[in-house]
Each structure stands twice: as structure tokens, then as C-alpha cells.
Protein backbone atom coordinates (compact mmCIF):
# COMPACT_ATOMS: atom_id res chain seq x y z
CA MET A 1 0.00 0.00 0.00
CA ALA A 2 2.82 2.43 0.87
CA LEU A 3 4.50 1.65 -2.46
CA LYS A 4 1.46 2.95 -4.34
CA GLY A 5 1.71 6.22 -2.45
CA ILE A 6 5.41 6.53 -3.20
CA ASN A 7 4.84 5.80 -6.88
CA ALA A 8 2.00 8.34 -7.05
CA TYR A 9 4.28 10.93 -5.45
CA LYS A 10 7.05 10.15 -7.94
CA LYS A 11 4.65 10.50 -10.88
CA GLY A 12 3.37 13.81 -9.59
CA ASN A 13 6.90 15.05 -9.02
CA LEU A 14 7.90 13.94 -12.53
CA LYS A 15 4.92 15.76 -14.08
CA GLN A 16 5.88 18.93 -12.24
CA GLU A 17 9.52 18.57 -13.32
CA ILE A 18 8.45 18.08 -16.96
CA ALA A 19 6.14 21.11 -16.84
CA GLN A 20 9.01 23.30 -15.64
CA ALA A 21 11.73 21.87 -17.89
CA ASP A 22 13.27 23.60 -20.87
CA PRO A 23 13.87 21.61 -24.10
CA HIS A 24 17.44 20.80 -23.06
CA LYS A 25 16.30 19.39 -19.71
CA LEU A 26 13.48 17.41 -21.40
CA THR A 27 15.97 15.79 -23.76
CA LEU A 28 18.23 14.95 -20.83
CA MET A 29 15.26 13.43 -18.96
CA LEU A 30 14.35 11.33 -22.01
CA MET A 31 17.88 9.99 -22.31
CA GLN A 32 17.92 9.16 -18.60
CA GLY A 33 14.54 7.45 -18.93
CA ALA A 34 15.77 5.35 -21.84
CA LEU A 35 18.86 4.30 -19.89
CA GLU A 36 16.76 3.41 -16.83
CA ARG A 37 14.35 1.35 -18.93
CA MET A 38 17.26 -0.51 -20.51
CA ALA A 39 18.66 -1.27 -17.06
CA TYR A 40 15.25 -2.57 -15.97
CA ALA A 41 15.07 -4.67 -19.14
CA LYS A 42 18.46 -6.19 -18.36
CA GLY A 43 17.20 -7.18 -14.93
CA CYS A 44 14.10 -8.68 -16.49
CA ILE A 45 16.21 -10.74 -18.90
CA GLU A 46 18.28 -12.02 -15.98
CA ARG A 47 15.11 -12.97 -14.06
CA GLN A 48 13.50 -14.41 -17.20
CA ASP A 49 10.63 -11.91 -16.86
CA TYR A 50 9.96 -11.72 -20.57
CA ALA A 51 6.84 -9.56 -20.30
CA GLY A 52 8.76 -7.00 -18.24
CA LYS A 53 11.67 -7.16 -20.67
CA ALA A 54 9.40 -6.51 -23.64
CA ASP A 55 7.65 -3.62 -21.89
CA ASN A 56 10.89 -1.91 -20.86
CA LEU A 57 12.57 -2.40 -24.23
CA SER A 58 9.47 -1.09 -25.97
CA ARG A 59 9.52 2.03 -23.80
CA SER A 60 13.26 2.49 -24.41
CA ALA A 61 12.75 2.19 -28.15
CA ALA A 62 9.85 4.66 -28.04
CA ILE A 63 12.06 7.19 -26.27
CA LEU A 64 14.86 6.70 -28.81
CA ILE A 65 12.35 7.08 -31.65
CA ASN A 66 11.20 10.36 -30.10
CA LEU A 67 14.78 11.58 -29.73
CA ARG A 68 15.55 10.58 -33.31
CA ASP A 69 12.43 12.14 -34.78
CA THR A 70 12.87 15.48 -33.03
CA LEU A 71 16.32 16.12 -34.49
CA ASP A 72 16.48 19.23 -36.68
CA LEU A 73 17.63 17.68 -39.95
CA ASP A 74 16.77 20.90 -41.85
CA ALA A 75 19.79 22.53 -40.21
CA LYS A 76 22.00 20.52 -42.60
CA ALA A 77 24.31 19.68 -39.74
CA ASP A 78 26.35 16.50 -39.94
CA ALA A 79 25.87 16.02 -36.20
CA ALA A 80 22.08 15.79 -36.56
CA GLU A 81 22.35 13.32 -39.44
CA ASN A 82 24.90 11.22 -37.56
CA LEU A 83 22.75 11.21 -34.42
CA TYR A 84 19.74 10.20 -36.51
CA SER A 85 21.66 7.21 -37.87
CA LEU A 86 22.96 6.32 -34.42
CA TYR A 87 19.50 6.46 -32.83
CA ASP A 88 18.20 4.33 -35.71
CA TYR A 89 20.95 1.78 -35.07
CA MET A 90 20.20 1.72 -31.33
CA ILE A 91 16.50 1.14 -32.01
CA GLN A 92 17.36 -1.80 -34.25
CA ARG A 93 19.73 -3.23 -31.66
CA LEU A 94 17.04 -3.00 -28.97
CA THR A 95 14.82 -5.05 -31.26
CA ASP A 96 17.65 -7.58 -31.63
CA ALA A 97 18.14 -7.68 -27.84
CA ASN A 98 14.43 -8.26 -27.35
CA VAL A 99 14.32 -11.15 -29.81
CA GLN A 100 17.57 -12.74 -28.63
CA ASN A 101 17.32 -11.95 -24.88
CA ASN A 102 20.89 -10.74 -25.22
CA LEU A 103 22.50 -8.75 -22.40
CA LYS A 104 25.59 -7.93 -24.50
CA ILE A 105 23.43 -6.11 -27.03
CA MET A 106 21.79 -4.21 -24.18
CA ASP A 107 25.23 -3.18 -22.93
CA GLU A 108 26.18 -2.08 -26.44
CA VAL A 109 23.16 0.25 -26.68
CA ILE A 110 23.71 1.60 -23.17
CA ASN A 111 27.37 2.27 -24.02
CA LEU A 112 26.28 4.14 -27.15
CA LEU A 113 23.69 6.32 -25.41
CA LEU A 114 25.60 7.09 -22.23
CA PRO A 115 28.29 9.30 -23.83
CA ILE A 116 25.60 11.23 -25.72
CA LYS A 117 23.74 11.87 -22.47
CA THR A 118 26.96 12.84 -20.70
CA ALA A 119 27.91 15.29 -23.46
CA TRP A 120 24.37 16.69 -23.51
CA SER A 121 24.49 17.33 -19.77
CA GLN A 122 27.75 19.27 -20.16
CA ILE A 123 26.50 21.80 -22.70
CA PRO A 124 27.29 25.25 -21.30
CA GLU A 125 24.39 27.50 -20.35
CA ALA A 126 25.48 30.17 -22.84
CA ALA A 127 25.31 27.67 -25.72
CA LYS A 128 21.82 26.56 -24.64
CA GLN A 129 20.60 30.17 -24.52
CA GLU A 130 22.08 30.86 -27.96
CA ALA A 131 20.29 27.80 -29.39
CA TYR A 132 16.97 28.84 -27.80
CA GLU A 133 17.34 32.33 -29.29
CA MET A 134 18.07 30.89 -32.75
CA GLN A 135 14.97 28.67 -32.51
CA ARG A 136 12.84 31.62 -31.41
CA GLN A 137 14.06 33.71 -34.35
CA LYS A 138 13.43 30.81 -36.73
CA ARG A 139 9.83 30.51 -35.48
CA GLN A 140 9.23 34.24 -35.81
CA ALA A 141 10.61 34.28 -39.34
CA SER A 142 8.26 31.47 -40.41
CA VAL A 143 5.15 33.22 -39.02
């Protein structure tokens, strides 16, 4: 019974955190969520909880799909195109891990996403503000 209360509190806290987050923070939260779901899926594979594994891998893949599909490919930046390909590869590997119940594949995907998350978390505040301003100007120009 107490666990339900704790989980409800966590969900409420998460909703509040999302409502207050800027796009940079939301992306960071998505990456963290994907990594957490992959860790849960690994535990499920070890316990032979195949329903839990499938659920967690599905959620991880959905997050990666969201991250991939929100990249600004119109910017003609090699980084965006490379990230798109990398996210696509990770999604495919999660499918492989799900089918094969393979922990090594899970580790491969985690080891691909972790440096991206780490680099994302180290973006200086000034660079974030500059990017937000560019996006704002882009939106105003298209209106």
C-alpha cells in the first residue's frame, strides 16, 4: 500500500519537473529514462521476466524514436544526421536484444547512449541560450 503512495508521489513530481523543464532538460530526462528502462530490461532478462523485458525495451525504443524524430535535420548539420543514424541503429539493436534476450546487445546500446547523455548534460548554459534564441528567431521568421 505504501509503495502505491510513493509511486504516485514520484509520478506527480515527474509531471511537475516536466512542466518546468526547458527543451534541453526534457531531452536529458528522455535519455535518462531510456537508460533506466534498458537497465530494468536487463534485470528482467536475468530474471526471465519476458513480459517485463518486452515492456521496458518497448519504452526504451519509443524514447529513442522520439529523440531521433525530433532532431532538426533541416539545419543541414552533420551532427544531426549522424545522431539520426545512431539512434536508428540503437532502435534496431534494442529489437535484436528483445528477440535474442541478449545482455551484451543491451550493454552495447547503453554504451552508445551514455556518452551522448553525458555530453548533452555538459552543454554550457550560454550555448543553450544561444540555441533557444536561434529557434525563437526561426519561429518568428516562419510566421
